[in-house]
mmCIF file of all heavy atoms, coordinates in Angstrom:
data_MODEL
# 
_entry.id   MODEL 
# 
loop_
_atom_site.group_PDB 
_atom_site.id 
_atom_site.type_symbol 
_atom_site.label_atom_id 
_atom_site.label_alt_id 
_atom_site.label_comp_id 
_atom_site.label_asym_id 
_atom_site.label_entity_id 
_atom_site.label_seq_id 
_atom_site.pdbx_PDB_ins_code 
_atom_site.Cartn_x 
_atom_site.Cartn_y 
_atom_site.Cartn_z 
_atom_site.occupancy 
_atom_site.B_iso_or_equiv 
_atom_site.pdbx_formal_charge 
_atom_site.auth_seq_id 
_atom_site.auth_comp_id 
_atom_site.auth_asym_id 
_atom_site.auth_atom_id 
_atom_site.pdbx_PDB_model_num 
ATOM 1   N N   . GLN A 1 1  ? 0.835  -1.204 0.000   1.00 0.00 ? 1  GLN A N   1 
ATOM 2   C CA  . GLN A 1 1  ? 0.000  0.000  0.000   1.00 0.00 ? 1  GLN A CA  1 
ATOM 3   C C   . GLN A 1 1  ? 0.869  1.252  0.000   1.00 0.00 ? 1  GLN A C   1 
ATOM 4   O O   . GLN A 1 1  ? 0.615  2.218  -0.746  1.00 0.00 ? 1  GLN A O   1 
ATOM 5   C CB  . GLN A 1 1  ? -0.938 0.001  1.209   1.00 0.00 ? 1  GLN A CB  1 
ATOM 6   C CG  . GLN A 1 1  ? -1.718 1.289  1.410   1.00 0.00 ? 1  GLN A CG  1 
ATOM 7   C CD  . GLN A 1 1  ? -2.675 1.586  0.273   1.00 0.00 ? 1  GLN A CD  1 
ATOM 8   O OE1 . GLN A 1 1  ? -3.023 0.696  -0.501  1.00 0.00 ? 1  GLN A OE1 1 
ATOM 9   N NE2 . GLN A 1 1  ? -3.090 2.838  0.160   1.00 0.00 ? 1  GLN A NE2 1 
ATOM 10  N N   . GLU A 1 2  ? 1.934  1.257  0.824   1.00 0.00 ? 2  GLU A N   1 
ATOM 11  C CA  . GLU A 1 2  ? 2.840  2.410  0.866   1.00 0.00 ? 2  GLU A CA  1 
ATOM 12  C C   . GLU A 1 2  ? 3.533  2.612  -0.485  1.00 0.00 ? 2  GLU A C   1 
ATOM 13  O O   . GLU A 1 2  ? 3.703  3.740  -0.950  1.00 0.00 ? 2  GLU A O   1 
ATOM 14  C CB  . GLU A 1 2  ? 3.883  2.223  1.963   1.00 0.00 ? 2  GLU A CB  1 
ATOM 15  C CG  . GLU A 1 2  ? 3.333  2.249  3.381   1.00 0.00 ? 2  GLU A CG  1 
ATOM 16  C CD  . GLU A 1 2  ? 2.837  3.629  3.776   1.00 0.00 ? 2  GLU A CD  1 
ATOM 17  O OE1 . GLU A 1 2  ? 3.269  4.625  3.158   1.00 0.00 ? 2  GLU A OE1 1 
ATOM 18  O OE2 . GLU A 1 2  ? 2.006  3.727  4.691   1.00 0.00 ? 2  GLU A OE2 1 
ATOM 19  N N   . LEU A 1 3  ? 3.933  1.523  -1.121  1.00 0.00 ? 3  LEU A N   1 
ATOM 20  C CA  . LEU A 1 3  ? 4.606  1.621  -2.416  1.00 0.00 ? 3  LEU A CA  1 
ATOM 21  C C   . LEU A 1 3  ? 3.642  2.106  -3.502  1.00 0.00 ? 3  LEU A C   1 
ATOM 22  O O   . LEU A 1 3  ? 4.039  2.839  -4.413  1.00 0.00 ? 3  LEU A O   1 
ATOM 23  C CB  . LEU A 1 3  ? 5.200  0.262  -2.805  1.00 0.00 ? 3  LEU A CB  1 
ATOM 24  C CG  . LEU A 1 3  ? 6.348  -0.229 -1.919  1.00 0.00 ? 3  LEU A CG  1 
ATOM 25  C CD1 . LEU A 1 3  ? 6.812  -1.608 -2.376  1.00 0.00 ? 3  LEU A CD1 1 
ATOM 26  C CD2 . LEU A 1 3  ? 7.516  0.744  -1.935  1.00 0.00 ? 3  LEU A CD2 1 
ATOM 27  N N   . ASN A 1 4  ? 2.386  1.702  -3.407  1.00 0.00 ? 4  ASN A N   1 
ATOM 28  C CA  . ASN A 1 4  ? 1.384  2.172  -4.366  1.00 0.00 ? 4  ASN A CA  1 
ATOM 29  C C   . ASN A 1 4  ? 1.166  3.680  -4.235  1.00 0.00 ? 4  ASN A C   1 
ATOM 30  O O   . ASN A 1 4  ? 1.049  4.399  -5.237  1.00 0.00 ? 4  ASN A O   1 
ATOM 31  C CB  . ASN A 1 4  ? 0.054  1.441  -4.162  1.00 0.00 ? 4  ASN A CB  1 
ATOM 32  C CG  . ASN A 1 4  ? 0.091  0.017  -4.674  1.00 0.00 ? 4  ASN A CG  1 
ATOM 33  O OD1 . ASN A 1 4  ? 0.918  -0.316 -5.518  1.00 0.00 ? 4  ASN A OD1 1 
ATOM 34  N ND2 . ASN A 1 4  ? -0.783 -0.828 -4.162  1.00 0.00 ? 4  ASN A ND2 1 
ATOM 35  N N   . VAL A 1 5  ? 1.122  4.149  -2.986  1.00 0.00 ? 5  VAL A N   1 
ATOM 36  C CA  . VAL A 1 5  ? 0.964  5.592  -2.751  1.00 0.00 ? 5  VAL A CA  1 
ATOM 37  C C   . VAL A 1 5  ? 2.155  6.357  -3.310  1.00 0.00 ? 5  VAL A C   1 
ATOM 38  O O   . VAL A 1 5  ? 2.011  7.393  -3.968  1.00 0.00 ? 5  VAL A O   1 
ATOM 39  C CB  . VAL A 1 5  ? 0.800  5.870  -1.246  1.00 0.00 ? 5  VAL A CB  1 
ATOM 40  C CG1 . VAL A 1 5  ? 0.835  7.372  -0.970  1.00 0.00 ? 5  VAL A CG1 1 
ATOM 41  C CG2 . VAL A 1 5  ? -0.503 5.279  -0.734  1.00 0.00 ? 5  VAL A CG2 1 
ATOM 42  N N   . LEU A 1 6  ? 3.361  5.840  -3.063  1.00 0.00 ? 6  LEU A N   1 
ATOM 43  C CA  . LEU A 1 6  ? 4.569  6.477  -3.582  1.00 0.00 ? 6  LEU A CA  1 
ATOM 44  C C   . LEU A 1 6  ? 4.574  6.483  -5.106  1.00 0.00 ? 6  LEU A C   1 
ATOM 45  O O   . LEU A 1 6  ? 4.933  7.485  -5.740  1.00 0.00 ? 6  LEU A O   1 
ATOM 46  C CB  . LEU A 1 6  ? 5.808  5.746  -3.063  1.00 0.00 ? 6  LEU A CB  1 
ATOM 47  C CG  . LEU A 1 6  ? 7.156  6.194  -3.630  1.00 0.00 ? 6  LEU A CG  1 
ATOM 48  C CD1 . LEU A 1 6  ? 7.419  7.663  -3.318  1.00 0.00 ? 6  LEU A CD1 1 
ATOM 49  C CD2 . LEU A 1 6  ? 8.285  5.320  -3.090  1.00 0.00 ? 6  LEU A CD2 1 
ATOM 50  N N   . ASN A 1 7  ? 4.155  5.377  -5.705  1.00 0.00 ? 7  ASN A N   1 
ATOM 51  C CA  . ASN A 1 7  ? 4.132  5.272  -7.168  1.00 0.00 ? 7  ASN A CA  1 
ATOM 52  C C   . ASN A 1 7  ? 3.213  6.319  -7.788  1.00 0.00 ? 7  ASN A C   1 
ATOM 53  O O   . ASN A 1 7  ? 3.539  6.933  -8.808  1.00 0.00 ? 7  ASN A O   1 
ATOM 54  C CB  . ASN A 1 7  ? 3.683  3.867  -7.567  1.00 0.00 ? 7  ASN A CB  1 
ATOM 55  C CG  . ASN A 1 7  ? 3.755  3.638  -9.071  1.00 0.00 ? 7  ASN A CG  1 
ATOM 56  O OD1 . ASN A 1 7  ? 4.690  4.086  -9.723  1.00 0.00 ? 7  ASN A OD1 1 
ATOM 57  N ND2 . ASN A 1 7  ? 2.770  2.953  -9.610  1.00 0.00 ? 7  ASN A ND2 1 
ATOM 58  N N   . LYS A 1 8  ? 2.066  6.564  -7.156  1.00 0.00 ? 8  LYS A N   1 
ATOM 59  C CA  . LYS A 1 8  ? 1.136  7.567  -7.674  1.00 0.00 ? 8  LYS A CA  1 
ATOM 60  C C   . LYS A 1 8  ? 1.705  8.970  -7.530  1.00 0.00 ? 8  LYS A C   1 
ATOM 61  O O   . LYS A 1 8  ? 1.466  9.839  -8.366  1.00 0.00 ? 8  LYS A O   1 
ATOM 62  C CB  . LYS A 1 8  ? -0.207 7.466  -6.937  1.00 0.00 ? 8  LYS A CB  1 
ATOM 63  C CG  . LYS A 1 8  ? -0.994 6.212  -7.272  1.00 0.00 ? 8  LYS A CG  1 
ATOM 64  C CD  . LYS A 1 8  ? -2.319 6.183  -6.532  1.00 0.00 ? 8  LYS A CD  1 
ATOM 65  C CE  . LYS A 1 8  ? -3.116 4.937  -6.882  1.00 0.00 ? 8  LYS A CE  1 
ATOM 66  N NZ  . LYS A 1 8  ? -4.405 4.879  -6.150  1.00 0.00 ? 8  LYS A NZ  1 
ATOM 67  N N   . LYS A 1 9  ? 2.470  9.210  -6.460  1.00 0.00 ? 9  LYS A N   1 
ATOM 68  C CA  . LYS A 1 9  ? 3.061  10.532 -6.265  1.00 0.00 ? 9  LYS A CA  1 
ATOM 69  C C   . LYS A 1 9  ? 4.116  10.844 -7.323  1.00 0.00 ? 9  LYS A C   1 
ATOM 70  O O   . LYS A 1 9  ? 4.378  12.008 -7.621  1.00 0.00 ? 9  LYS A O   1 
ATOM 71  C CB  . LYS A 1 9  ? 3.699  10.622 -4.873  1.00 0.00 ? 9  LYS A CB  1 
ATOM 72  C CG  . LYS A 1 9  ? 2.698  10.680 -3.735  1.00 0.00 ? 9  LYS A CG  1 
ATOM 73  C CD  . LYS A 1 9  ? 3.405  10.806 -2.405  1.00 0.00 ? 9  LYS A CD  1 
ATOM 74  C CE  . LYS A 1 9  ? 2.415  10.904 -1.252  1.00 0.00 ? 9  LYS A CE  1 
ATOM 75  N NZ  . LYS A 1 9  ? 3.109  11.018 0.056   1.00 0.00 ? 9  LYS A NZ  1 
ATOM 76  N N   . LEU A 1 10 ? 4.741  9.798  -7.878  1.00 0.00 ? 10 LEU A N   1 
ATOM 77  C CA  . LEU A 1 10 ? 5.787  10.004 -8.877  1.00 0.00 ? 10 LEU A CA  1 
ATOM 78  C C   . LEU A 1 10 ? 5.229  10.171 -10.279 1.00 0.00 ? 10 LEU A C   1 
ATOM 79  O O   . LEU A 1 10 ? 5.993  10.385 -11.219 1.00 0.00 ? 10 LEU A O   1 
ATOM 80  C CB  . LEU A 1 10 ? 6.768  8.823  -8.862  1.00 0.00 ? 10 LEU A CB  1 
ATOM 81  C CG  . LEU A 1 10 ? 7.530  8.593  -7.557  1.00 0.00 ? 10 LEU A CG  1 
ATOM 82  C CD1 . LEU A 1 10 ? 8.443  7.391  -7.693  1.00 0.00 ? 10 LEU A CD1 1 
ATOM 83  C CD2 . LEU A 1 10 ? 8.333  9.825  -7.178  1.00 0.00 ? 10 LEU A CD2 1 
ATOM 84  N N   . GLN A 1 11 ? 3.916  10.040 -10.432 1.00 0.00 ? 11 GLN A N   1 
ATOM 85  C CA  . GLN A 1 11 ? 3.300  10.113 -11.750 1.00 0.00 ? 11 GLN A CA  1 
ATOM 86  C C   . GLN A 1 11 ? 2.386  11.322 -11.830 1.00 0.00 ? 11 GLN A C   1 
ATOM 87  O O   . GLN A 1 11 ? 2.064  11.945 -10.833 1.00 0.00 ? 11 GLN A O   1 
ATOM 88  C CB  . GLN A 1 11 ? 2.507  8.838  -12.050 1.00 0.00 ? 11 GLN A CB  1 
ATOM 89  C CG  . GLN A 1 11 ? 3.344  7.573  -12.011 1.00 0.00 ? 11 GLN A CG  1 
ATOM 90  C CD  . GLN A 1 11 ? 2.543  6.352  -12.397 1.00 0.00 ? 11 GLN A CD  1 
ATOM 91  O OE1 . GLN A 1 11 ? 1.706  6.408  -13.280 1.00 0.00 ? 11 GLN A OE1 1 
ATOM 92  N NE2 . GLN A 1 11 ? 2.803  5.244  -11.744 1.00 0.00 ? 11 GLN A NE2 1 
ATOM 93  N N   . GLY A 1 12 ? 1.982  11.634 -13.033 1.00 0.00 ? 12 GLY A N   1 
ATOM 94  C CA  . GLY A 1 12 ? 1.056  12.734 -13.240 1.00 0.00 ? 12 GLY A CA  1 
ATOM 95  C C   . GLY A 1 12 ? 1.597  13.777 -14.190 1.00 0.00 ? 12 GLY A C   1 
ATOM 96  O O   . GLY A 1 12 ? 2.796  13.880 -14.415 1.00 0.00 ? 12 GLY A O   1 
ATOM 97  N N   . GLN A 1 13 ? 0.683  14.566 -14.731 1.00 0.00 ? 13 GLN A N   1 
ATOM 98  C CA  . GLN A 1 13 ? 1.048  15.592 -15.692 1.00 0.00 ? 13 GLN A CA  1 
ATOM 99  C C   . GLN A 1 13 ? 1.756  16.746 -14.988 1.00 0.00 ? 13 GLN A C   1 
ATOM 100 O O   . GLN A 1 13 ? 1.379  17.176 -13.905 1.00 0.00 ? 13 GLN A O   1 
ATOM 101 C CB  . GLN A 1 13 ? -0.214 16.116 -16.385 1.00 0.00 ? 13 GLN A CB  1 
ATOM 102 C CG  . GLN A 1 13 ? 0.056  17.027 -17.557 1.00 0.00 ? 13 GLN A CG  1 
ATOM 103 C CD  . GLN A 1 13 ? 0.503  16.270 -18.780 1.00 0.00 ? 13 GLN A CD  1 
ATOM 104 O OE1 . GLN A 1 13 ? 0.324  15.063 -18.845 1.00 0.00 ? 13 GLN A OE1 1 
ATOM 105 N NE2 . GLN A 1 13 ? 1.065  16.970 -19.735 1.00 0.00 ? 13 GLN A NE2 1 
ATOM 106 N N   . GLY A 1 14 ? 2.815  17.267 -15.591 1.00 0.00 ? 14 GLY A N   1 
ATOM 107 C CA  . GLY A 1 14 ? 3.499  18.442 -15.066 1.00 0.00 ? 14 GLY A CA  1 
ATOM 108 C C   . GLY A 1 14 ? 4.325  18.192 -13.823 1.00 0.00 ? 14 GLY A C   1 
ATOM 109 O O   . GLY A 1 14 ? 4.567  19.109 -13.043 1.00 0.00 ? 14 GLY A O   1 
ATOM 110 N N   . GLN A 1 15 ? 4.768  16.972 -13.598 1.00 0.00 ? 15 GLN A N   1 
ATOM 111 C CA  . GLN A 1 15 ? 5.590  16.671 -12.434 1.00 0.00 ? 15 GLN A CA  1 
ATOM 112 C C   . GLN A 1 15 ? 6.970  17.292 -12.583 1.00 0.00 ? 15 GLN A C   1 
ATOM 113 O O   . GLN A 1 15 ? 7.558  17.282 -13.654 1.00 0.00 ? 15 GLN A O   1 
ATOM 114 C CB  . GLN A 1 15 ? 5.737  15.153 -12.270 1.00 0.00 ? 15 GLN A CB  1 
ATOM 115 C CG  . GLN A 1 15 ? 4.592  14.531 -11.501 1.00 0.00 ? 15 GLN A CG  1 
ATOM 116 C CD  . GLN A 1 15 ? 4.794  14.622 -9.996  1.00 0.00 ? 15 GLN A CD  1 
ATOM 117 O OE1 . GLN A 1 15 ? 5.553  15.444 -9.503  1.00 0.00 ? 15 GLN A OE1 1 
ATOM 118 N NE2 . GLN A 1 15 ? 4.111  13.769 -9.268  1.00 0.00 ? 15 GLN A NE2 1 
ATOM 119 N N   . LEU A 1 16 ? 7.491  17.831 -11.488 1.00 0.00 ? 16 LEU A N   1 
ATOM 120 C CA  . LEU A 1 16 ? 8.853  18.348 -11.453 1.00 0.00 ? 16 LEU A CA  1 
ATOM 121 C C   . LEU A 1 16 ? 9.743  17.359 -10.732 1.00 0.00 ? 16 LEU A C   1 
ATOM 122 O O   . LEU A 1 16 ? 9.312  16.685 -9.792  1.00 0.00 ? 16 LEU A O   1 
ATOM 123 C CB  . LEU A 1 16 ? 8.900  19.705 -10.748 1.00 0.00 ? 16 LEU A CB  1 
ATOM 124 C CG  . LEU A 1 16 ? 8.140  20.844 -11.446 1.00 0.00 ? 16 LEU A CG  1 
ATOM 125 C CD1 . LEU A 1 16 ? 8.167  22.107 -10.591 1.00 0.00 ? 16 LEU A CD1 1 
ATOM 126 C CD2 . LEU A 1 16 ? 8.733  21.124 -12.812 1.00 0.00 ? 16 LEU A CD2 1 
ATOM 127 N N   . VAL A 1 17 ? 10.990 17.264 -11.156 1.00 0.00 ? 17 VAL A N   1 
ATOM 128 C CA  . VAL A 1 17 ? 11.899 16.278 -10.589 1.00 0.00 ? 17 VAL A CA  1 
ATOM 129 C C   . VAL A 1 17 ? 12.168 16.566 -9.120  1.00 0.00 ? 17 VAL A C   1 
ATOM 130 O O   . VAL A 1 17 ? 12.432 15.651 -8.333  1.00 0.00 ? 17 VAL A O   1 
ATOM 131 C CB  . VAL A 1 17 ? 13.217 16.243 -11.402 1.00 0.00 ? 17 VAL A CB  1 
ATOM 132 C CG1 . VAL A 1 17 ? 14.012 17.512 -11.212 1.00 0.00 ? 17 VAL A CG1 1 
ATOM 133 C CG2 . VAL A 1 17 ? 14.054 15.025 -11.040 1.00 0.00 ? 17 VAL A CG2 1 
ATOM 134 N N   . SER A 1 18 ? 12.084 17.822 -8.695  1.00 0.00 ? 18 SER A N   1 
ATOM 135 C CA  . SER A 1 18 ? 12.308 18.144 -7.286  1.00 0.00 ? 18 SER A CA  1 
ATOM 136 C C   . SER A 1 18 ? 11.216 17.536 -6.403  1.00 0.00 ? 18 SER A C   1 
ATOM 137 O O   . SER A 1 18 ? 11.487 17.064 -5.297  1.00 0.00 ? 18 SER A O   1 
ATOM 138 C CB  . SER A 1 18 ? 12.352 19.662 -7.087  1.00 0.00 ? 18 SER A CB  1 
ATOM 139 O OG  . SER A 1 18 ? 11.174 20.277 -7.596  1.00 0.00 ? 18 SER A OG  1 
ATOM 140 N N   . ALA A 1 19 ? 9.967  17.516 -6.902  1.00 0.00 ? 19 ALA A N   1 
ATOM 141 C CA  . ALA A 1 19 ? 8.874  16.898 -6.149  1.00 0.00 ? 19 ALA A CA  1 
ATOM 142 C C   . ALA A 1 19 ? 9.064  15.391 -6.059  1.00 0.00 ? 19 ALA A C   1 
ATOM 143 O O   . ALA A 1 19 ? 8.793  14.770 -5.030  1.00 0.00 ? 19 ALA A O   1 
ATOM 144 C CB  . ALA A 1 19 ? 7.536  17.232 -6.796  1.00 0.00 ? 19 ALA A CB  1 
ATOM 145 N N   . ALA A 1 20 ? 9.534  14.786 -7.157  1.00 0.00 ? 20 ALA A N   1 
ATOM 146 C CA  . ALA A 1 20 ? 9.805  13.350 -7.144  1.00 0.00 ? 20 ALA A CA  1 
ATOM 147 C C   . ALA A 1 20 ? 10.892 13.024 -6.140  1.00 0.00 ? 20 ALA A C   1 
ATOM 148 O O   . ALA A 1 20 ? 10.820 12.017 -5.419  1.00 0.00 ? 20 ALA A O   1 
ATOM 149 C CB  . ALA A 1 20 ? 10.219 12.879 -8.542  1.00 0.00 ? 20 ALA A CB  1 
ATOM 150 N N   . TYR A 1 21 ? 11.917 13.865 -6.069  1.00 0.00 ? 21 TYR A N   1 
ATOM 151 C CA  . TYR A 1 21 ? 12.999 13.633 -5.118  1.00 0.00 ? 21 TYR A CA  1 
ATOM 152 C C   . TYR A 1 21 ? 12.488 13.727 -3.680  1.00 0.00 ? 21 TYR A C   1 
ATOM 153 O O   . TYR A 1 21 ? 12.852 12.915 -2.821  1.00 0.00 ? 21 TYR A O   1 
ATOM 154 C CB  . TYR A 1 21 ? 14.116 14.653 -5.336  1.00 0.00 ? 21 TYR A CB  1 
ATOM 155 C CG  . TYR A 1 21 ? 15.232 14.556 -4.322  1.00 0.00 ? 21 TYR A CG  1 
ATOM 156 C CD1 . TYR A 1 21 ? 16.204 13.562 -4.429  1.00 0.00 ? 21 TYR A CD1 1 
ATOM 157 C CD2 . TYR A 1 21 ? 15.305 15.435 -3.258  1.00 0.00 ? 21 TYR A CD2 1 
ATOM 158 C CE1 . TYR A 1 21 ? 17.213 13.457 -3.496  1.00 0.00 ? 21 TYR A CE1 1 
ATOM 159 C CE2 . TYR A 1 21 ? 16.311 15.339 -2.317  1.00 0.00 ? 21 TYR A CE2 1 
ATOM 160 C CZ  . TYR A 1 21 ? 17.270 14.353 -2.447  1.00 0.00 ? 21 TYR A CZ  1 
ATOM 161 O OH  . TYR A 1 21 ? 18.261 14.255 -1.513  1.00 0.00 ? 21 TYR A OH  1 
ATOM 162 N N   . ASP A 1 22 ? 11.628 14.708 -3.391  1.00 0.00 ? 22 ASP A N   1 
ATOM 163 C CA  . ASP A 1 22 ? 11.080 14.855 -2.040  1.00 0.00 ? 22 ASP A CA  1 
ATOM 164 C C   . ASP A 1 22 ? 10.267 13.632 -1.646  1.00 0.00 ? 22 ASP A C   1 
ATOM 165 O O   . ASP A 1 22 ? 10.348 13.151 -0.508  1.00 0.00 ? 22 ASP A O   1 
ATOM 166 C CB  . ASP A 1 22 ? 10.201 16.110 -1.957  1.00 0.00 ? 22 ASP A CB  1 
ATOM 167 C CG  . ASP A 1 22 ? 11.027 17.387 -2.073  1.00 0.00 ? 22 ASP A CG  1 
ATOM 168 O OD1 . ASP A 1 22 ? 12.245 17.320 -1.819  1.00 0.00 ? 22 ASP A OD1 1 
ATOM 169 O OD2 . ASP A 1 22 ? 10.443 18.423 -2.425  1.00 0.00 ? 22 ASP A OD2 1 
ATOM 170 N N   . ASN A 1 23 ? 9.468  13.104 -2.573  1.00 0.00 ? 23 ASN A N   1 
ATOM 171 C CA  . ASN A 1 23 ? 8.653  11.933 -2.268  1.00 0.00 ? 23 ASN A CA  1 
ATOM 172 C C   . ASN A 1 23 ? 9.512  10.702 -2.018  1.00 0.00 ? 23 ASN A C   1 
ATOM 173 O O   . ASN A 1 23 ? 9.209  9.880  -1.145  1.00 0.00 ? 23 ASN A O   1 
ATOM 174 C CB  . ASN A 1 23 ? 7.682  11.659 -3.417  1.00 0.00 ? 23 ASN A CB  1 
ATOM 175 C CG  . ASN A 1 23 ? 6.577  12.693 -3.492  1.00 0.00 ? 23 ASN A CG  1 
ATOM 176 O OD1 . ASN A 1 23 ? 6.092  13.160 -2.462  1.00 0.00 ? 23 ASN A OD1 1 
ATOM 177 N ND2 . ASN A 1 23 ? 6.184  13.067 -4.694  1.00 0.00 ? 23 ASN A ND2 1 
ATOM 178 N N   . LEU A 1 24 ? 10.597 10.552 -2.764  1.00 0.00 ? 24 LEU A N   1 
ATOM 179 C CA  . LEU A 1 24 ? 11.490 9.407  -2.567  1.00 0.00 ? 24 LEU A CA  1 
ATOM 180 C C   . LEU A 1 24 ? 12.284 9.532  -1.278  1.00 0.00 ? 24 LEU A C   1 
ATOM 181 O O   . LEU A 1 24 ? 12.730 8.532  -0.715  1.00 0.00 ? 24 LEU A O   1 
ATOM 182 C CB  . LEU A 1 24 ? 12.444 9.280  -3.755  1.00 0.00 ? 24 LEU A CB  1 
ATOM 183 C CG  . LEU A 1 24 ? 11.824 8.761  -5.050  1.00 0.00 ? 24 LEU A CG  1 
ATOM 184 C CD1 . LEU A 1 24 ? 12.819 8.861  -6.193  1.00 0.00 ? 24 LEU A CD1 1 
ATOM 185 C CD2 . LEU A 1 24 ? 11.348 7.332  -4.900  1.00 0.00 ? 24 LEU A CD2 1 
# 
């Protein structure tokens, strides 16, 4: 469940790499 939530945070239109880094 935690990995699924993380996976959704890394996807989507207009994502910035800084946001992906914060989520990871």
